[in-house]
């Protein structure tokens, strides 16, 4: 059996074992993350989360659109 066939077989095997679809996983994944205060102070954390949230929302829309 070729390597590509083995990969395809394993891929299909894993796809059939999924409990949650990729689409649902993407939808449910949070747009914000918690950064401990000893790593980033308030304004830095707020700015980081604001940028992260905007990027996350854009990327989710693009992924889920296709």
PDB file of N, CA and C in Angstrom:
ATOM      1  N   UNK A   1       0.848  -1.179   0.000  1.00  0.00           N
ATOM      2  CA  UNK A   1       0.000   0.000   0.000  1.00  0.00           C
ATOM      3  C   UNK A   1       0.894   1.243   0.000  1.00  0.00           C
ATOM      4  N   UNK A   2       0.559   2.200  -0.873  1.00  0.00           N
ATOM      5  CA  UNK A   2       1.371   3.409  -0.965  1.00  0.00           C
ATOM      6  C   UNK A   2       1.172   4.291   0.270  1.00  0.00           C
ATOM      7  N   UNK A   3       2.110   5.161   0.468  1.00  0.00           N
ATOM      8  CA  UNK A   3       2.057   6.077   1.614  1.00  0.00           C
ATOM      9  C   UNK A   3       0.810   6.963   1.534  1.00  0.00           C
ATOM     10  N   UNK A   4       0.486   7.446   0.344  1.00  0.00           N
ATOM     11  CA  UNK A   4      -0.698   8.303   0.185  1.00  0.00           C
ATOM     12  C   UNK A   4      -1.983   7.543   0.526  1.00  0.00           C
ATOM     13  N   UNK A   5      -2.069   6.310   0.137  1.00  0.00           N
ATOM     14  CA  UNK A   5      -3.244   5.493   0.456  1.00  0.00           C
ATOM     15  C   UNK A   5      -3.341   5.255   1.960  1.00  0.00           C
ATOM     16  N   UNK A   6      -2.199   5.045   2.611  1.00  0.00           N
ATOM     17  CA  UNK A   6      -2.185   4.858   4.065  1.00  0.00           C
ATOM     18  C   UNK A   6      -2.648   6.132   4.782  1.00  0.00           C
ATOM     19  N   UNK A   7      -2.181   7.260   4.293  1.00  0.00           N
ATOM     20  CA  UNK A   7      -2.583   8.545   4.879  1.00  0.00           C
ATOM     21  C   UNK A   7      -4.074   8.761   4.688  1.00  0.00           C
ATOM     22  N   UNK A   8      -4.569   8.502   3.483  1.00  0.00           N
ATOM     23  CA  UNK A   8      -5.997   8.669   3.209  1.00  0.00           C
ATOM     24  C   UNK A   8      -6.834   7.744   4.090  1.00  0.00           C
ATOM     25  N   UNK A   9      -6.396   6.513   4.240  1.00  0.00           N
ATOM     26  CA  UNK A   9      -7.114   5.544   5.068  1.00  0.00           C
ATOM     27  C   UNK A   9      -7.170   6.019   6.520  1.00  0.00           C
ATOM     28  N   UNK A  10      -6.047   6.481   7.038  1.00  0.00           N
ATOM     29  CA  UNK A  10      -5.980   6.960   8.418  1.00  0.00           C
ATOM     30  C   UNK A  10      -6.833   8.219   8.587  1.00  0.00           C
ATOM     31  N   UNK A  11      -6.781   9.103   7.611  1.00  0.00           N
ATOM     32  CA  UNK A  11      -7.585  10.331   7.641  1.00  0.00           C
ATOM     33  C   UNK A  11      -9.073   9.990   7.743  1.00  0.00           C
ATOM     34  N   UNK A  12      -9.535   9.097   6.892  1.00  0.00           N
ATOM     35  CA  UNK A  12     -10.949   8.703   6.911  1.00  0.00           C
ATOM     36  C   UNK A  12     -11.328   8.023   8.223  1.00  0.00           C
ATOM     37  N   UNK A  13     -10.419   7.232   8.731  1.00  0.00           N
ATOM     38  CA  UNK A  13     -10.640   6.557  10.016  1.00  0.00           C
ATOM     39  C   UNK A  13     -10.834   7.592  11.136  1.00  0.00           C
ATOM     40  N   UNK A  14      -9.982   8.595  11.153  1.00  0.00           N
ATOM     41  CA  UNK A  14     -10.075   9.641  12.173  1.00  0.00           C
ATOM     42  C   UNK A  14     -11.304  10.524  11.972  1.00  0.00           C
ATOM     43  N   UNK A  15     -11.634  10.826  10.733  1.00  0.00           N
ATOM     44  CA  UNK A  15     -12.831  11.627  10.441  1.00  0.00           C
ATOM     45  C   UNK A  15     -14.092  10.935  10.960  1.00  0.00           C
ATOM     46  N   UNK A  16     -14.144   9.628  10.846  1.00  0.00           N
ATOM     47  CA  UNK A  16     -15.310   8.870  11.306  1.00  0.00           C
ATOM     48  C   UNK A  16     -15.407   8.796  12.828  1.00  0.00           C
ATOM     49  N   UNK A  17     -14.319   9.057  13.513  1.00  0.00           N
ATOM     50  CA  UNK A  17     -14.314   9.017  14.978  1.00  0.00           C
ATOM     51  C   UNK A  17     -14.681  10.363  15.611  1.00  0.00           C
ATOM     52  N   UNK A  18     -14.762  11.408  14.807  1.00  0.00           N
ATOM     53  CA  UNK A  18     -15.025  12.747  15.332  1.00  0.00           C
ATOM     54  C   UNK A  18     -16.346  12.801  16.086  1.00  0.00           C
ATOM     55  N   UNK A  19     -16.312  13.489  17.200  1.00  0.00           N
ATOM     56  CA  UNK A  19     -17.519  13.716  17.995  1.00  0.00           C
ATOM     57  C   UNK A  19     -18.102  15.085  17.628  1.00  0.00           C
ATOM     58  N   UNK A  20     -17.230  16.049  17.406  1.00  0.00           N
ATOM     59  CA  UNK A  20     -17.623  17.420  17.075  1.00  0.00           C
ATOM     60  C   UNK A  20     -17.051  17.757  15.700  1.00  0.00           C
ATOM     61  N   UNK A  21     -17.871  18.334  14.856  1.00  0.00           N
ATOM     62  CA  UNK A  21     -17.401  18.696  13.517  1.00  0.00           C
ATOM     63  C   UNK A  21     -16.420  19.863  13.597  1.00  0.00           C
ATOM     64  N   UNK A  22     -15.594  19.984  12.583  1.00  0.00           N
ATOM     65  CA  UNK A  22     -14.644  21.092  12.520  1.00  0.00           C
ATOM     66  C   UNK A  22     -15.393  22.423  12.555  1.00  0.00           C
ATOM     67  N   UNK A  23     -16.506  22.488  11.841  1.00  0.00           N
ATOM     68  CA  UNK A  23     -17.297  23.719  11.789  1.00  0.00           C
ATOM     69  C   UNK A  23     -17.779  24.131  13.180  1.00  0.00           C
ATOM     70  N   UNK A  24     -18.312  23.176  13.939  1.00  0.00           N
ATOM     71  CA  UNK A  24     -18.776  23.495  15.289  1.00  0.00           C
ATOM     72  C   UNK A  24     -17.616  23.879  16.204  1.00  0.00           C
ATOM     73  N   UNK A  25     -16.506  23.219  16.033  1.00  0.00           N
ATOM     74  CA  UNK A  25     -15.325  23.535  16.833  1.00  0.00           C
ATOM     75  C   UNK A  25     -14.875  24.972  16.569  1.00  0.00           C
ATOM     76  N   UNK A  26     -14.852  25.359  15.312  1.00  0.00           N
ATOM     77  CA  UNK A  26     -14.466  26.727  14.947  1.00  0.00           C
ATOM     78  C   UNK A  26     -15.462  27.730  15.520  1.00  0.00           C
ATOM     79  N   UNK A  27     -16.749  27.442  15.399  1.00  0.00           N
ATOM     80  CA  UNK A  27     -17.783  28.348  15.927  1.00  0.00           C
ATOM     81  C   UNK A  27     -17.657  28.536  17.429  1.00  0.00           C
ATOM     82  N   UNK A  28     -17.377  27.466  18.147  1.00  0.00           N
ATOM     83  CA  UNK A  28     -17.350  27.512  19.603  1.00  0.00           C
ATOM     84  C   UNK A  28     -16.017  27.980  20.195  1.00  0.00           C
ATOM     85  N   UNK A  29     -14.983  28.019  19.388  1.00  0.00           N
ATOM     86  CA  UNK A  29     -13.675  28.421  19.893  1.00  0.00           C
ATOM     87  C   UNK A  29     -13.729  29.888  20.307  1.00  0.00           C
ATOM     88  N   UNK A  30     -13.223  30.234  21.500  1.00  0.00           N
ATOM     89  CA  UNK A  30     -13.337  31.620  21.981  1.00  0.00           C
ATOM     90  C   UNK A  30     -12.511  32.603  21.159  1.00  0.00           C
ATOM     91  N   UNK A  31     -13.003  33.836  21.087  1.00  0.00           N
ATOM     92  CA  UNK A  31     -12.291  34.897  20.369  1.00  0.00           C
ATOM     93  C   UNK A  31     -11.294  35.611  21.272  1.00  0.00           C
ATOM     94  N   UNK A  32     -11.483  35.484  22.576  1.00  0.00           N
ATOM     95  CA  UNK A  32     -10.589  36.139  23.536  1.00  0.00           C
ATOM     96  C   UNK A  32      -9.853  35.079  24.348  1.00  0.00           C
ATOM     97  N   UNK A  33      -8.685  35.464  24.851  1.00  0.00           N
ATOM     98  CA  UNK A  33      -7.945  34.568  25.732  1.00  0.00           C
ATOM     99  C   UNK A  33      -7.584  35.321  27.013  1.00  0.00           C
ATOM    100  N   UNK A  34      -7.387  34.569  28.074  1.00  0.00           N
ATOM    101  CA  UNK A  34      -6.979  35.158  29.337  1.00  0.00           C
ATOM    102  C   UNK A  34      -5.463  35.221  29.379  1.00  0.00           C
ATOM    103  N   UNK A  35      -4.947  36.415  29.648  1.00  0.00           N
ATOM    104  CA  UNK A  35      -3.512  36.595  29.816  1.00  0.00           C
ATOM    105  C   UNK A  35      -3.291  37.010  31.268  1.00  0.00           C
ATOM    106  N   UNK A  36      -2.536  36.224  32.032  1.00  0.00           N
ATOM    107  CA  UNK A  36      -2.314  36.560  33.439  1.00  0.00           C
ATOM    108  C   UNK A  36      -1.736  37.966  33.614  1.00  0.00           C
ATOM    109  N   UNK A  37      -2.121  38.619  34.694  1.00  0.00           N
ATOM    110  CA  UNK A  37      -1.709  40.002  34.944  1.00  0.00           C
ATOM    111  C   UNK A  37      -0.194  40.151  35.073  1.00  0.00           C
ATOM    112  N   UNK A  38       0.503  39.106  35.519  1.00  0.00           N
ATOM    113  CA  UNK A  38       1.966  39.207  35.627  1.00  0.00           C
ATOM    114  C   UNK A  38       2.648  39.094  34.265  1.00  0.00           C
ATOM    115  N   UNK A  39       1.891  38.763  33.228  1.00  0.00           N
ATOM    116  CA  UNK A  39       2.445  38.684  31.873  1.00  0.00           C
ATOM    117  C   UNK A  39       2.161  39.984  31.118  1.00  0.00           C
ATOM    118  N   UNK A  40       0.955  40.499  31.270  1.00  0.00           N
ATOM    119  CA  UNK A  40       0.580  41.728  30.570  1.00  0.00           C
ATOM    120  C   UNK A  40      -0.336  42.561  31.455  1.00  0.00           C
ATOM    121  N   UNK A  41      -0.018  43.814  31.591  1.00  0.00           N
ATOM    122  CA  UNK A  41      -0.838  44.727  32.388  1.00  0.00           C
ATOM    123  C   UNK A  41      -2.139  45.033  31.647  1.00  0.00           C
ATOM    124  N   UNK A  42      -3.075  45.676  32.311  1.00  0.00           N
ATOM    125  CA  UNK A  42      -4.416  45.931  31.800  1.00  0.00           C
ATOM    126  C   UNK A  42      -4.530  46.426  30.378  1.00  0.00           C
ATOM    127  N   UNK A  43      -3.873  47.560  30.055  1.00  0.00           N
ATOM    128  CA  UNK A  43      -4.012  48.135  28.713  1.00  0.00           C
ATOM    129  C   UNK A  43      -3.416  47.248  27.631  1.00  0.00           C
ATOM    130  N   UNK A  44      -2.283  46.638  27.915  1.00  0.00           N
ATOM    131  CA  UNK A  44      -1.651  45.736  26.946  1.00  0.00           C
ATOM    132  C   UNK A  44      -2.563  44.537  26.707  1.00  0.00           C
ATOM    133  N   UNK A  45      -3.087  43.962  27.783  1.00  0.00           N
ATOM    134  CA  UNK A  45      -3.984  42.810  27.677  1.00  0.00           C
ATOM    135  C   UNK A  45      -5.244  43.189  26.902  1.00  0.00           C
ATOM    136  N   UNK A  46      -5.816  44.355  27.213  1.00  0.00           N
ATOM    137  CA  UNK A  46      -7.026  44.807  26.511  1.00  0.00           C
ATOM    138  C   UNK A  46      -6.754  45.011  25.019  1.00  0.00           C
ATOM    139  N   UNK A  47      -5.626  45.628  24.700  1.00  0.00           N
ATOM    140  CA  UNK A  47      -5.274  45.855  23.286  1.00  0.00           C
ATOM    141  C   UNK A  47      -5.060  44.530  22.563  1.00  0.00           C
ATOM    142  N   UNK A  48      -4.320  43.642  23.200  1.00  0.00           N
ATOM    143  CA  UNK A  48      -4.055  42.327  22.608  1.00  0.00           C
ATOM    144  C   UNK A  48      -5.361  41.587  22.346  1.00  0.00           C
ATOM    145  N   UNK A  49      -6.245  41.558  23.344  1.00  0.00           N
ATOM    146  CA  UNK A  49      -7.505  40.850  23.183  1.00  0.00           C
ATOM    147  C   UNK A  49      -8.397  41.507  22.134  1.00  0.00           C
ATOM    148  N   UNK A  50      -8.354  42.818  22.035  1.00  0.00           N
ATOM    149  CA  UNK A  50      -9.140  43.519  21.027  1.00  0.00           C
ATOM    150  C   UNK A  50      -8.688  43.123  19.619  1.00  0.00           C
ATOM    151  N   UNK A  51      -7.375  43.123  19.405  1.00  0.00           N
ATOM    152  CA  UNK A  51      -6.822  42.723  18.095  1.00  0.00           C
ATOM    153  C   UNK A  51      -7.142  41.258  17.817  1.00  0.00           C
ATOM    154  N   UNK A  52      -6.907  40.417  18.814  1.00  0.00           N
ATOM    155  CA  UNK A  52      -7.167  38.984  18.664  1.00  0.00           C
ATOM    156  C   UNK A  52      -8.636  38.710  18.339  1.00  0.00           C
ATOM    157  N   UNK A  53      -9.534  39.388  19.040  1.00  0.00           N
ATOM    158  CA  UNK A  53     -10.965  39.184  18.818  1.00  0.00           C
ATOM    159  C   UNK A  53     -11.367  39.582  17.398  1.00  0.00           C
ATOM    160  N   UNK A  54     -10.895  40.722  16.938  1.00  0.00           N
ATOM    161  CA  UNK A  54     -11.234  41.179  15.578  1.00  0.00           C
ATOM    162  C   UNK A  54     -10.692  40.207  14.518  1.00  0.00           C
ATOM    163  N   UNK A  55      -9.451  39.775  14.690  1.00  0.00           N
ATOM    164  CA  UNK A  55      -8.873  38.820  13.738  1.00  0.00           C
ATOM    165  C   UNK A  55      -9.618  37.485  13.770  1.00  0.00           C
ATOM    166  N   UNK A  56      -9.933  37.032  14.962  1.00  0.00           N
ATOM    167  CA  UNK A  56     -10.630  35.754  15.122  1.00  0.00           C
ATOM    168  C   UNK A  56     -11.988  35.777  14.429  1.00  0.00           C
ATOM    169  N   UNK A  57     -12.730  36.842  14.632  1.00  0.00           N
ATOM    170  CA  UNK A  57     -14.060  36.964  14.023  1.00  0.00           C
ATOM    171  C   UNK A  57     -13.953  36.969  12.498  1.00  0.00           C
ATOM    172  N   UNK A  58     -12.983  37.736  11.967  1.00  0.00           N
ATOM    173  CA  UNK A  58     -12.784  37.793  10.509  1.00  0.00           C
ATOM    174  C   UNK A  58     -12.440  36.418   9.939  1.00  0.00           C
ATOM    175  N   UNK A  59     -11.496  35.745  10.582  1.00  0.00           N
ATOM    176  CA  UNK A  59     -11.033  34.446  10.089  1.00  0.00           C
ATOM    177  C   UNK A  59     -12.146  33.405  10.183  1.00  0.00           C
ATOM    178  N   UNK A  60     -12.888  33.408  11.291  1.00  0.00           N
ATOM    179  CA  UNK A  60     -14.007  32.464  11.445  1.00  0.00           C
ATOM    180  C   UNK A  60     -15.027  32.655  10.314  1.00  0.00           C
ATOM    181  N   UNK A  61     -15.372  33.914  10.027  1.00  0.00           N
ATOM    182  CA  UNK A  61     -16.340  34.183   8.952  1.00  0.00           C
ATOM    183  C   UNK A  61     -15.821  33.654   7.612  1.00  0.00           C
ATOM    184  N   UNK A  62     -14.543  33.889   7.361  1.00  0.00           N
ATOM    185  CA  UNK A  62     -13.953  33.448   6.095  1.00  0.00           C
ATOM    186  C   UNK A  62     -13.933  31.927   5.999  1.00  0.00           C
ATOM    187  N   UNK A  63     -13.537  31.249   7.074  1.00  0.00           N
ATOM    188  CA  UNK A  63     -13.476  29.787   7.075  1.00  0.00           C
ATOM    189  C   UNK A  63     -14.861  29.177   6.936  1.00  0.00           C
ATOM    190  N   UNK A  64     -15.816  29.708   7.689  1.00  0.00           N
ATOM    191  CA  UNK A  64     -17.157  29.134   7.704  1.00  0.00           C
ATOM    192  C   UNK A  64     -17.947  29.452   6.432  1.00  0.00           C
ATOM    193  N   UNK A  65     -17.526  30.482   5.723  1.00  0.00           N
ATOM    194  CA  UNK A  65     -18.192  30.863   4.469  1.00  0.00           C
ATOM    195  C   UNK A  65     -17.942  29.821   3.373  1.00  0.00           C
ATOM    196  N   UNK A  66     -16.760  29.224   3.402  1.00  0.00           N
ATOM    197  CA  UNK A  66     -16.379  28.263   2.339  1.00  0.00           C
ATOM    198  C   UNK A  66     -16.930  26.919   2.567  1.00  0.00           C
TER     199      UNK A  66
END
